[in-house]
Amino acid sequence: MADPECRERAPAYPSAPLTYQDYARLPDDGRRHELLEGEIVVSPSPNTKHQEVSGRLHYALHGWAQRTGTGKVFAAPCDMVLSPHDVVQPDLLFIAREHRSRITADNIQGPPDLVVEILSPATAARDLDRKRRLYERHGVAEYWIVDPDAQSLTVFRRRGDTLVPETPLGPEGVLRPAGLPGLELDLAALWSQES
């Protein structure tokens, strides 16, 4: 029988619906918190494969943004405040130069031009459904779902009020997103197991 002193105790969060002010008062317990429709959602730390892919994507996007002067790239943890009841920490996000007023000293205020979520077993269902609908509702222009296990990347582009998926890209090829001119992402390098 497990020692009751060794079991992790679930923190007591206030009842929903919460606001950004409630969220900002949460103690820093080393876990990733998000506020989805007024509800606190906690995720475990990502696995190493997730972090390797995140690092490579961040490096590629940051290099492209610096080289072209088109905007800024941020990596989690970085609060993105979409509404008083919706605060998320996507794995990566890009803010175009013309929307730089959305970047504040504390967080990102409003939708970015690109959101990237890298699937993990604990977050995949949320990223594919609940967060996709949230990004759609709040005007995110482009959303990438990256699946390190399947070695696939799916681009969702805004058409009217909807984020529409394009054909998933597999383990090879080059991604040249229309919304990010000049970016070329080598997918084989993204999945590489070599250090």
N, C-alpha and C. Protein backbone atom coordinates (compact mmCIF):
# COMPACT_ATOMS: atom_id res chain seq x y z
N MET A 1 0.84 -1.18 0.00
CA MET A 1 0.00 0.00 0.00
C MET A 1 0.89 1.24 0.00
N ALA A 2 0.51 2.21 -0.82
CA ALA A 2 1.33 3.42 -0.96
C ALA A 2 1.29 4.25 0.32
N ASP A 3 2.42 4.83 0.64
CA ASP A 3 2.52 5.72 1.78
C ASP A 3 1.74 6.99 1.47
N PRO A 4 0.74 7.37 2.27
CA PRO A 4 -0.06 8.55 1.97
C PRO A 4 0.77 9.83 1.92
N GLU A 5 1.89 9.85 2.61
CA GLU A 5 2.73 11.05 2.58
C GLU A 5 3.49 11.19 1.27
N CYS A 6 3.63 10.08 0.51
CA CYS A 6 4.38 10.11 -0.74
C CYS A 6 3.50 10.40 -1.95
N ARG A 7 2.20 10.24 -1.78
CA ARG A 7 1.30 10.51 -2.90
C ARG A 7 1.23 11.99 -3.18
N GLU A 8 1.21 12.30 -4.47
CA GLU A 8 1.08 13.71 -4.85
C GLU A 8 -0.34 14.17 -4.54
N ARG A 9 -0.44 15.30 -3.92
CA ARG A 9 -1.74 15.85 -3.63
C ARG A 9 -2.16 16.80 -4.74
N ALA A 10 -3.37 16.63 -5.23
CA ALA A 10 -3.87 17.52 -6.28
C ALA A 10 -4.13 18.89 -5.66
N PRO A 11 -3.62 19.93 -6.30
CA PRO A 11 -3.86 21.26 -5.75
C PRO A 11 -5.33 21.62 -5.85
N ALA A 12 -5.78 22.41 -4.92
CA ALA A 12 -7.16 22.88 -4.93
C ALA A 12 -7.22 24.19 -5.71
N TYR A 13 -7.88 24.15 -6.85
CA TYR A 13 -8.04 25.35 -7.66
C TYR A 13 -9.42 25.93 -7.40
N PRO A 14 -9.54 27.24 -7.54
CA PRO A 14 -10.87 27.84 -7.38
C PRO A 14 -11.84 27.29 -8.42
N SER A 15 -13.12 27.43 -8.16
CA SER A 15 -14.14 26.95 -9.09
C SER A 15 -14.20 27.81 -10.33
N ALA A 16 -14.53 27.19 -11.46
CA ALA A 16 -14.68 27.89 -12.74
C ALA A 16 -16.00 28.67 -12.71
N PRO A 17 -16.19 29.68 -13.52
CA PRO A 17 -15.23 30.16 -14.50
C PRO A 17 -14.24 31.16 -13.89
N LEU A 18 -12.98 30.92 -14.17
CA LEU A 18 -11.92 31.79 -13.68
C LEU A 18 -11.54 32.82 -14.74
N THR A 19 -10.84 33.85 -14.31
CA THR A 19 -10.37 34.88 -15.22
C THR A 19 -8.84 34.90 -15.24
N TYR A 20 -8.29 35.73 -16.11
CA TYR A 20 -6.84 35.87 -16.18
C TYR A 20 -6.28 36.30 -14.83
N GLN A 21 -6.98 37.16 -14.10
CA GLN A 21 -6.51 37.61 -12.79
C GLN A 21 -6.41 36.44 -11.81
N ASP A 22 -7.37 35.53 -11.82
CA ASP A 22 -7.30 34.32 -10.99
C ASP A 22 -6.11 33.46 -11.40
N TYR A 23 -5.96 33.28 -12.70
CA TYR A 23 -4.87 32.48 -13.26
C TYR A 23 -3.52 33.05 -12.84
N ALA A 24 -3.37 34.37 -12.92
CA ALA A 24 -2.10 35.02 -12.59
C ALA A 24 -1.72 34.85 -11.12
N ARG A 25 -2.69 34.57 -10.26
CA ARG A 25 -2.42 34.39 -8.83
C ARG A 25 -2.08 32.96 -8.46
N LEU A 26 -2.13 32.03 -9.43
CA LEU A 26 -1.80 30.64 -9.12
C LEU A 26 -0.34 30.53 -8.69
N PRO A 27 -0.04 29.67 -7.73
CA PRO A 27 1.36 29.50 -7.32
C PRO A 27 2.15 28.81 -8.43
N ASP A 28 3.42 29.14 -8.52
CA ASP A 28 4.30 28.50 -9.50
C ASP A 28 4.71 27.15 -8.93
N ASP A 29 4.05 26.09 -9.40
CA ASP A 29 4.34 24.75 -8.89
C ASP A 29 5.14 23.92 -9.88
N GLY A 30 5.70 24.59 -10.91
CA GLY A 30 6.54 23.89 -11.86
C GLY A 30 5.79 23.15 -12.95
N ARG A 31 4.48 23.23 -12.95
CA ARG A 31 3.69 22.57 -13.98
C ARG A 31 3.11 23.60 -14.95
N ARG A 32 2.70 23.12 -16.09
CA ARG A 32 2.16 24.00 -17.13
C ARG A 32 0.66 24.16 -16.92
N HIS A 33 0.24 25.39 -16.65
CA HIS A 33 -1.18 25.69 -16.44
C HIS A 33 -1.71 26.47 -17.63
N GLU A 34 -2.95 26.18 -17.99
CA GLU A 34 -3.65 26.96 -19.00
C GLU A 34 -5.07 27.20 -18.48
N LEU A 35 -5.70 28.23 -19.01
CA LEU A 35 -7.06 28.57 -18.64
C LEU A 35 -7.91 28.42 -19.90
N LEU A 36 -8.74 27.38 -19.93
CA LEU A 36 -9.58 27.11 -21.10
C LEU A 36 -11.04 27.28 -20.72
N GLU A 37 -11.66 28.31 -21.29
CA GLU A 37 -13.06 28.61 -21.01
C GLU A 37 -13.31 28.72 -19.51
N GLY A 38 -12.38 29.35 -18.82
CA GLY A 38 -12.52 29.59 -17.39
C GLY A 38 -12.12 28.44 -16.49
N GLU A 39 -11.61 27.36 -17.06
CA GLU A 39 -11.22 26.17 -16.30
C GLU A 39 -9.71 25.99 -16.33
N ILE A 40 -9.10 25.77 -15.17
CA ILE A 40 -7.66 25.52 -15.11
C ILE A 40 -7.38 24.11 -15.61
N VAL A 41 -6.44 24.01 -16.55
CA VAL A 41 -6.01 22.72 -17.09
C VAL A 41 -4.51 22.62 -16.85
N VAL A 42 -4.08 21.50 -16.27
CA VAL A 42 -2.67 21.29 -15.94
C VAL A 42 -2.13 20.15 -16.79
N SER A 43 -0.94 20.37 -17.37
CA SER A 43 -0.31 19.34 -18.20
C SER A 43 1.03 18.94 -17.60
N PRO A 44 1.39 17.67 -17.74
CA PRO A 44 2.72 17.26 -17.29
C PRO A 44 3.79 17.80 -18.24
N SER A 45 5.04 17.75 -17.82
CA SER A 45 6.13 18.17 -18.68
C SER A 45 6.17 17.29 -19.92
N PRO A 46 6.51 17.88 -21.08
CA PRO A 46 6.60 17.08 -22.29
C PRO A 46 7.76 16.10 -22.26
N ASN A 47 7.67 15.05 -23.09
CA ASN A 47 8.75 14.07 -23.16
C ASN A 47 9.92 14.60 -23.99
N THR A 48 11.00 13.87 -24.03
CA THR A 48 12.22 14.35 -24.68
C THR A 48 12.07 14.46 -26.19
N LYS A 49 11.32 13.54 -26.81
CA LYS A 49 11.11 13.62 -28.26
C LYS A 49 10.38 14.92 -28.60
N HIS A 50 9.36 15.24 -27.82
CA HIS A 50 8.62 16.49 -27.98
C HIS A 50 9.57 17.68 -27.89
N GLN A 51 10.45 17.66 -26.90
CA GLN A 51 11.35 18.79 -26.69
C GLN A 51 12.38 18.93 -27.81
N GLU A 52 12.86 17.80 -28.35
CA GLU A 52 13.79 17.87 -29.47
C GLU A 52 13.14 18.50 -30.69
N VAL A 53 11.92 18.06 -31.01
CA VAL A 53 11.20 18.61 -32.16
C VAL A 53 10.88 20.08 -31.92
N SER A 54 10.48 20.43 -30.70
CA SER A 54 10.20 21.82 -30.37
C SER A 54 11.44 22.69 -30.57
N GLY A 55 12.57 22.21 -30.10
CA GLY A 55 13.82 22.97 -30.25
C GLY A 55 14.19 23.20 -31.70
N ARG A 56 14.04 22.17 -32.53
CA ARG A 56 14.37 22.30 -33.96
C ARG A 56 13.42 23.28 -34.65
N LEU A 57 12.12 23.17 -34.33
CA LEU A 57 11.16 24.09 -34.92
C LEU A 57 11.41 25.53 -34.48
N HIS A 58 11.69 25.70 -33.20
CA HIS A 58 11.97 27.04 -32.69
C HIS A 58 13.18 27.64 -33.39
N TYR A 59 14.21 26.84 -33.54
CA TYR A 59 15.44 27.30 -34.20
C TYR A 59 15.15 27.72 -35.64
N ALA A 60 14.39 26.89 -36.37
CA ALA A 60 14.07 27.20 -37.77
C ALA A 60 13.19 28.44 -37.89
N LEU A 61 12.14 28.52 -37.08
CA LEU A 61 11.24 29.67 -37.14
C LEU A 61 11.93 30.96 -36.69
N HIS A 62 12.70 30.87 -35.62
CA HIS A 62 13.41 32.06 -35.13
C HIS A 62 14.41 32.56 -36.17
N GLY A 63 15.17 31.63 -36.77
CA GLY A 63 16.14 32.02 -37.79
C GLY A 63 15.47 32.70 -38.97
N TRP A 64 14.34 32.13 -39.41
CA TRP A 64 13.59 32.72 -40.53
C TRP A 64 13.08 34.11 -40.15
N ALA A 65 12.49 34.26 -38.96
CA ALA A 65 11.96 35.56 -38.55
C ALA A 65 13.06 36.61 -38.44
N GLN A 66 14.22 36.22 -37.92
CA GLN A 66 15.36 37.15 -37.81
C GLN A 66 15.87 37.53 -39.19
N ARG A 67 16.03 36.54 -40.05
CA ARG A 67 16.57 36.77 -41.39
C ARG A 67 15.66 37.67 -42.23
N THR A 68 14.35 37.49 -42.11
CA THR A 68 13.40 38.23 -42.94
C THR A 68 12.85 39.48 -42.26
N GLY A 69 13.02 39.59 -40.94
CA GLY A 69 12.48 40.73 -40.21
C GLY A 69 10.97 40.76 -40.18
N THR A 70 10.34 39.59 -40.29
CA THR A 70 8.89 39.53 -40.40
C THR A 70 8.14 39.53 -39.06
N GLY A 71 8.84 39.27 -37.96
CA GLY A 71 8.15 39.22 -36.68
C GLY A 71 8.97 38.52 -35.62
N LYS A 72 8.28 38.03 -34.58
CA LYS A 72 8.95 37.39 -33.44
C LYS A 72 8.33 36.04 -33.14
N VAL A 73 9.21 35.13 -32.69
CA VAL A 73 8.79 33.78 -32.33
C VAL A 73 8.98 33.60 -30.82
N PHE A 74 8.01 32.99 -30.17
CA PHE A 74 8.07 32.71 -28.74
C PHE A 74 7.82 31.22 -28.50
N ALA A 75 8.48 30.68 -27.48
CA ALA A 75 8.31 29.28 -27.10
C ALA A 75 7.71 29.19 -25.71
N ALA A 76 7.01 28.10 -25.45
CA ALA A 76 6.43 27.87 -24.12
C ALA A 76 7.54 27.78 -23.08
N PRO A 77 7.28 28.25 -21.89
CA PRO A 77 6.02 28.83 -21.43
C PRO A 77 5.95 30.33 -21.74
N CYS A 78 4.88 30.71 -22.41
CA CYS A 78 4.59 32.11 -22.71
C CYS A 78 3.08 32.24 -22.75
N ASP A 79 2.51 33.04 -21.86
CA ASP A 79 1.06 33.18 -21.80
C ASP A 79 0.54 33.93 -23.02
N MET A 80 -0.48 33.38 -23.63
CA MET A 80 -1.19 34.01 -24.73
C MET A 80 -2.62 34.23 -24.25
N VAL A 81 -2.98 35.48 -24.04
CA VAL A 81 -4.29 35.82 -23.49
C VAL A 81 -5.24 36.11 -24.65
N LEU A 82 -6.18 35.19 -24.86
CA LEU A 82 -7.14 35.34 -25.95
C LEU A 82 -8.43 36.02 -25.48
N SER A 83 -8.76 35.86 -24.21
CA SER A 83 -9.93 36.50 -23.60
C SER A 83 -9.72 36.44 -22.09
N PRO A 84 -10.55 37.09 -21.30
CA PRO A 84 -10.39 36.99 -19.85
C PRO A 84 -10.47 35.56 -19.31
N HIS A 85 -11.10 34.64 -20.07
CA HIS A 85 -11.28 33.27 -19.61
C HIS A 85 -10.46 32.25 -20.40
N ASP A 86 -9.61 32.73 -21.33
CA ASP A 86 -8.83 31.84 -22.18
C ASP A 86 -7.38 32.29 -22.23
N VAL A 87 -6.51 31.55 -21.52
CA VAL A 87 -5.07 31.84 -21.49
C VAL A 87 -4.36 30.52 -21.77
N VAL A 88 -3.63 30.48 -22.88
CA VAL A 88 -2.97 29.24 -23.29
C VAL A 88 -1.47 29.46 -23.41
N GLN A 89 -0.76 28.35 -23.42
CA GLN A 89 0.70 28.35 -23.60
C GLN A 89 1.04 27.38 -24.73
N PRO A 90 0.86 27.82 -25.98
CA PRO A 90 1.21 26.91 -27.08
C PRO A 90 2.70 26.62 -27.07
N ASP A 91 3.09 25.53 -27.71
CA ASP A 91 4.51 25.17 -27.76
C ASP A 91 5.32 26.26 -28.44
N LEU A 92 4.81 26.80 -29.55
CA LEU A 92 5.47 27.89 -30.26
C LEU A 92 4.40 28.82 -30.82
N LEU A 93 4.76 30.08 -30.96
CA LEU A 93 3.86 31.01 -31.62
C LEU A 93 4.67 32.08 -32.34
N PHE A 94 4.08 32.64 -33.37
CA PHE A 94 4.72 33.68 -34.17
C PHE A 94 3.78 34.87 -34.25
N ILE A 95 4.35 36.06 -33.98
CA ILE A 95 3.62 37.33 -34.11
C ILE A 95 4.27 38.11 -35.24
N ALA A 96 3.49 38.43 -36.28
CA ALA A 96 4.01 39.21 -37.41
C ALA A 96 4.30 40.64 -36.98
N ARG A 97 5.24 41.24 -37.67
CA ARG A 97 5.69 42.61 -37.35
C ARG A 97 4.50 43.58 -37.27
N GLU A 98 3.53 43.44 -38.16
CA GLU A 98 2.39 44.37 -38.15
C GLU A 98 1.47 44.17 -36.95
N HIS A 99 1.64 43.09 -36.20
CA HIS A 99 0.84 42.84 -34.99
C HIS A 99 1.67 42.93 -33.72
N ARG A 100 2.83 43.56 -33.78
CA ARG A 100 3.73 43.59 -32.62
C ARG A 100 3.13 44.27 -31.39
N SER A 101 2.07 45.06 -31.56
CA SER A 101 1.42 45.68 -30.40
C SER A 101 0.78 44.62 -29.50
N ARG A 102 0.61 43.41 -29.99
CA ARG A 102 0.05 42.32 -29.18
C ARG A 102 1.08 41.76 -28.19
N ILE A 103 2.33 42.12 -28.38
CA ILE A 103 3.40 41.64 -27.49
C ILE A 103 3.55 42.64 -26.36
N THR A 104 3.30 42.20 -25.12
CA THR A 104 3.48 43.06 -23.96
C THR A 104 4.61 42.51 -23.10
N ALA A 105 4.98 43.23 -22.08
CA ALA A 105 6.05 42.78 -21.18
C ALA A 105 5.66 41.50 -20.45
N ASP A 106 4.36 41.29 -20.21
CA ASP A 106 3.91 40.13 -19.43
C ASP A 106 3.46 38.94 -20.26
N ASN A 107 2.90 39.21 -21.45
CA ASN A 107 2.29 38.13 -22.22
C ASN A 107 1.98 38.59 -23.64
N ILE A 108 1.32 37.72 -24.38
CA ILE A 108 0.81 38.04 -25.71
C ILE A 108 -0.68 38.32 -25.55
N GLN A 109 -1.14 39.46 -26.05
CA GLN A 109 -2.54 39.86 -25.95
C GLN A 109 -3.20 39.70 -27.31
N GLY A 110 -4.00 38.66 -27.48
CA GLY A 110 -4.69 38.44 -28.74
C GLY A 110 -4.06 37.32 -29.54
N PRO A 111 -4.66 37.04 -30.69
CA PRO A 111 -4.21 35.88 -31.47
C PRO A 111 -2.90 36.13 -32.20
N PRO A 112 -2.02 35.15 -32.22
CA PRO A 112 -0.82 35.25 -33.04
C PRO A 112 -1.14 34.90 -34.49
N ASP A 113 -0.15 35.08 -35.34
CA ASP A 113 -0.33 34.75 -36.75
C ASP A 113 -0.12 33.25 -36.99
N LEU A 114 0.64 32.61 -36.10
CA LEU A 114 0.86 31.16 -36.17
C LEU A 114 0.93 30.60 -34.77
N VAL A 115 0.24 29.48 -34.56
CA VAL A 115 0.35 28.70 -33.33
C VAL A 115 0.81 27.30 -33.72
N VAL A 116 1.77 26.77 -32.97
CA VAL A 116 2.26 25.41 -33.19
C VAL A 116 2.05 24.62 -31.91
N GLU A 117 1.38 23.49 -32.02
CA GLU A 117 1.24 22.55 -30.91
C GLU A 117 1.89 21.23 -31.32
N ILE A 118 2.75 20.71 -30.47
CA ILE A 118 3.43 19.44 -30.70
C ILE A 118 2.74 18.40 -29.82
N LEU A 119 2.21 17.37 -30.45
CA LEU A 119 1.41 16.41 -29.71
C LEU A 119 2.24 15.58 -28.74
N SER A 120 1.67 15.39 -27.55
CA SER A 120 2.19 14.49 -26.52
C SER A 120 1.02 13.61 -26.11
N PRO A 121 1.28 12.42 -25.57
CA PRO A 121 0.16 11.56 -25.17
C PRO A 121 -0.83 12.26 -24.23
N ALA A 122 -0.33 13.08 -23.33
CA ALA A 122 -1.21 13.71 -22.34
C ALA A 122 -2.01 14.89 -22.90
N THR A 123 -1.58 15.47 -24.02
CA THR A 123 -2.23 16.68 -24.52
C THR A 123 -2.83 16.54 -25.91
N ALA A 124 -2.62 15.43 -26.60
CA ALA A 124 -3.02 15.30 -28.00
C ALA A 124 -4.51 15.57 -28.22
N ALA A 125 -5.37 14.95 -27.44
CA ALA A 125 -6.81 15.13 -27.64
C ALA A 125 -7.20 16.59 -27.46
N ARG A 126 -6.64 17.24 -26.47
CA ARG A 126 -6.94 18.66 -26.21
C ARG A 126 -6.45 19.54 -27.36
N ASP A 127 -5.23 19.28 -27.85
CA ASP A 127 -4.67 20.08 -28.94
C ASP A 127 -5.47 19.92 -30.22
N LEU A 128 -5.92 18.70 -30.50
CA LEU A 128 -6.64 18.41 -31.74
C LEU A 128 -8.07 18.92 -31.73
N ASP A 129 -8.67 19.04 -30.56
CA ASP A 129 -10.08 19.42 -30.51
C ASP A 129 -10.32 20.75 -29.78
N ARG A 130 -10.21 20.71 -28.49
CA ARG A 130 -10.60 21.88 -27.69
C ARG A 130 -9.77 23.12 -28.02
N LYS A 131 -8.45 22.96 -28.10
CA LYS A 131 -7.61 24.12 -28.38
C LYS A 131 -7.73 24.55 -29.85
N ARG A 132 -7.92 23.60 -30.76
CA ARG A 132 -8.14 23.99 -32.16
C ARG A 132 -9.39 24.85 -32.28
N ARG A 133 -10.47 24.45 -31.62
CA ARG A 133 -11.70 25.25 -31.65
C ARG A 133 -11.50 26.62 -31.00
N LEU A 134 -10.72 26.66 -29.93
CA LEU A 134 -10.42 27.92 -29.25
C LEU A 134 -9.63 28.85 -30.18
N TYR A 135 -8.61 28.32 -30.85
CA TYR A 135 -7.81 29.13 -31.77
C TYR A 135 -8.66 29.61 -32.94
N GLU A 136 -9.54 28.75 -33.41
CA GLU A 136 -10.44 29.11 -34.50
C GLU A 136 -11.34 30.27 -34.08
N ARG A 137 -11.94 30.15 -32.90
CA ARG A 137 -12.88 31.16 -32.39
C ARG A 137 -12.21 32.51 -32.18
N HIS A 138 -10.92 32.50 -31.80
CA HIS A 138 -10.25 33.76 -31.47
C HIS A 138 -9.41 34.33 -32.61
N GLY A 139 -9.51 33.78 -33.81
CA GLY A 139 -8.92 34.41 -34.97
C GLY A 139 -7.48 34.08 -35.29
N VAL A 140 -6.96 32.96 -34.79
CA VAL A 140 -5.60 32.54 -35.17
C VAL A 140 -5.60 32.27 -36.68
N ALA A 141 -4.59 32.81 -37.38
CA ALA A 141 -4.55 32.70 -38.84
C ALA A 141 -4.09 31.33 -39.32
N GLU A 142 -3.12 30.74 -38.62
CA GLU A 142 -2.57 29.45 -39.05
C GLU A 142 -2.21 28.64 -37.81
N TYR A 143 -2.51 27.35 -37.87
CA TYR A 143 -2.29 26.44 -36.74
C TYR A 143 -1.62 25.18 -37.26
N TRP A 144 -0.48 24.84 -36.66
CA TRP A 144 0.21 23.61 -37.04
C TRP A 144 0.08 22.59 -35.93
N ILE A 145 -0.29 21.37 -36.31
CA ILE A 145 -0.28 20.23 -35.40
C ILE A 145 0.90 19.36 -35.82
N VAL A 146 1.84 19.17 -34.92
CA VAL A 146 3.05 18.40 -35.19
C VAL A 146 2.99 17.12 -34.37
N ASP A 147 3.11 15.98 -35.04
CA ASP A 147 3.03 14.69 -34.37
C ASP A 147 4.38 13.98 -34.50
N PRO A 148 5.24 14.07 -33.46
CA PRO A 148 6.56 13.45 -33.54
C PRO A 148 6.51 11.93 -33.71
N ASP A 149 5.53 11.26 -33.12
CA ASP A 149 5.45 9.80 -33.23
C ASP A 149 5.10 9.36 -34.65
N ALA A 150 4.14 10.04 -35.27
CA ALA A 150 3.74 9.71 -36.64
C ALA A 150 4.62 10.40 -37.68
N GLN A 151 5.49 11.28 -37.23
CA GLN A 151 6.33 12.09 -38.11
C GLN A 151 5.48 12.78 -39.17
N SER A 152 4.47 13.52 -38.68
CA SER A 152 3.59 14.25 -39.59
C SER A 152 3.34 15.66 -39.07
N LEU A 153 3.07 16.54 -39.99
CA LEU A 153 2.75 17.93 -39.67
C LEU A 153 1.53 18.31 -40.49
N THR A 154 0.50 18.79 -39.81
CA THR A 154 -0.72 19.23 -40.49
C THR A 154 -0.88 20.72 -40.29
N VAL A 155 -1.05 21.42 -41.40
CA VAL A 155 -1.27 22.86 -41.37
C VAL A 155 -2.76 23.12 -41.46
N PHE A 156 -3.28 23.92 -40.53
CA PHE A 156 -4.66 24.40 -40.58
C PHE A 156 -4.59 25.87 -40.96
N ARG A 157 -5.27 26.26 -42.04
CA ARG A 157 -5.29 27.66 -42.47
C ARG A 157 -6.70 28.23 -42.32
N ARG A 158 -6.74 29.49 -41.99
CA ARG A 158 -8.03 30.16 -41.80
C ARG A 158 -8.69 30.39 -43.16
N ARG A 159 -9.95 29.96 -43.23
CA ARG A 159 -10.82 30.28 -44.36
C ARG A 159 -12.12 30.80 -43.77
N GLY A 160 -12.30 32.09 -43.83
CA GLY A 160 -13.46 32.71 -43.19
C GLY A 160 -13.33 32.56 -41.68
N ASP A 161 -14.30 31.92 -41.05
CA ASP A 161 -14.30 31.74 -39.60
C ASP A 161 -13.76 30.37 -39.18
N THR A 162 -13.21 29.61 -40.12
CA THR A 162 -12.82 28.23 -39.84
C THR A 162 -11.34 27.99 -40.11
N LEU A 163 -10.72 27.15 -39.27
CA LEU A 163 -9.38 26.66 -39.54
C LEU A 163 -9.53 25.33 -40.27
N VAL A 164 -9.10 25.31 -41.53
CA VAL A 164 -9.30 24.15 -42.40
C VAL A 164 -7.98 23.40 -42.55
N PRO A 165 -7.99 22.07 -42.28
CA PRO A 165 -6.75 21.30 -42.40
C PRO A 165 -6.38 21.05 -43.86
N GLU A 166 -5.08 21.11 -44.13
CA GLU A 166 -4.57 20.71 -45.42
C GLU A 166 -4.09 19.27 -45.31
N THR A 167 -3.67 18.69 -46.41
CA THR A 167 -3.19 17.31 -46.39
C THR A 167 -1.97 17.22 -45.48
N PRO A 168 -1.97 16.29 -44.51
CA PRO A 168 -0.80 16.16 -43.62
C PRO A 168 0.47 15.85 -44.41
N LEU A 169 1.56 16.44 -43.96
CA LEU A 169 2.87 16.19 -44.56
C LEU A 169 3.55 15.10 -43.77
N GLY A 170 4.21 14.18 -44.47
CA GLY A 170 4.83 13.03 -43.84
C GLY A 170 6.26 13.27 -43.41
N PRO A 171 7.03 12.19 -43.34
CA PRO A 171 8.37 12.28 -42.77
C PRO A 171 9.41 12.97 -43.66
N GLU A 172 9.07 13.22 -44.92
CA GLU A 172 10.04 13.86 -45.80
C GLU A 172 9.37 15.00 -46.55
N GLY A 173 10.18 15.77 -47.25
CA GLY A 173 9.67 16.89 -48.03
C GLY A 173 10.01 18.21 -47.37
N VAL A 174 9.52 19.28 -47.98
CA VAL A 174 9.79 20.63 -47.50
C VAL A 174 8.47 21.36 -47.35
N LEU A 175 8.26 21.96 -46.19
CA LEU A 175 7.08 22.79 -45.95
C LEU A 175 7.43 24.23 -46.33
N ARG A 176 6.63 24.80 -47.22
CA ARG A 176 6.76 26.20 -47.62
C ARG A 176 5.40 26.87 -47.40
N PRO A 177 5.12 27.28 -46.16
CA PRO A 177 3.78 27.81 -45.87
C PRO A 177 3.54 29.16 -46.55
N ALA A 178 2.39 29.28 -47.21
CA ALA A 178 2.05 30.51 -47.92
C ALA A 178 1.98 31.70 -46.98
N GLY A 179 1.54 31.47 -45.75
CA GLY A 179 1.40 32.58 -44.80
C GLY A 179 2.70 33.05 -44.18
N LEU A 180 3.80 32.32 -44.44
CA LEU A 180 5.11 32.68 -43.89
C LEU A 180 6.12 32.70 -45.04
N PRO A 181 6.07 33.72 -45.90
CA PRO A 181 6.89 33.75 -47.10
C PRO A 181 8.38 33.66 -46.79
N GLY A 182 9.05 32.80 -47.54
CA GLY A 182 10.49 32.63 -47.38
C GLY A 182 10.89 31.52 -46.44
N LEU A 183 9.92 30.96 -45.69
CA LEU A 183 10.24 29.86 -44.78
C LEU A 183 10.25 28.55 -45.54
N GLU A 184 11.31 27.78 -45.37
CA GLU A 184 11.39 26.43 -45.91
C GLU A 184 11.81 25.51 -44.78
N LEU A 185 10.95 24.56 -44.45
CA LEU A 185 11.19 23.67 -43.34
C LEU A 185 11.42 22.25 -43.85
N ASP A 186 12.64 21.74 -43.66
CA ASP A 186 13.00 20.38 -44.07
C ASP A 186 12.44 19.40 -43.04
N LEU A 187 11.44 18.63 -43.44
CA LEU A 187 10.76 17.75 -42.49
C LEU A 187 11.64 16.59 -42.04
N ALA A 188 12.48 16.07 -42.93
CA ALA A 188 13.36 14.97 -42.53
C ALA A 188 14.29 15.42 -41.40
N ALA A 189 14.78 16.65 -41.47
CA ALA A 189 15.65 17.19 -40.42
C ALA A 189 14.88 17.39 -39.12
N LEU A 190 13.59 17.72 -39.24
CA LEU A 190 12.76 17.93 -38.05
C LEU A 190 12.64 16.66 -37.22
N TRP A 191 12.53 15.50 -37.90
CA TRP A 191 12.33 14.23 -37.19
C TRP A 191 13.64 13.52 -36.86
N SER A 192 14.74 14.01 -37.34
CA SER A 192 16.04 13.33 -37.20
C SER A 192 16.33 12.93 -35.76
N GLN A 193 16.86 11.72 -35.59
CA GLN A 193 17.25 11.24 -34.26
C GLN A 193 18.71 11.54 -33.95
N GLU A 194 19.40 12.10 -34.93
CA GLU A 194 20.82 12.44 -34.73
C GLU A 194 20.92 13.74 -33.94
N SER A 195 21.97 13.83 -33.11
CA SER A 195 22.13 15.05 -32.33
C SER A 195 22.94 16.07 -33.08
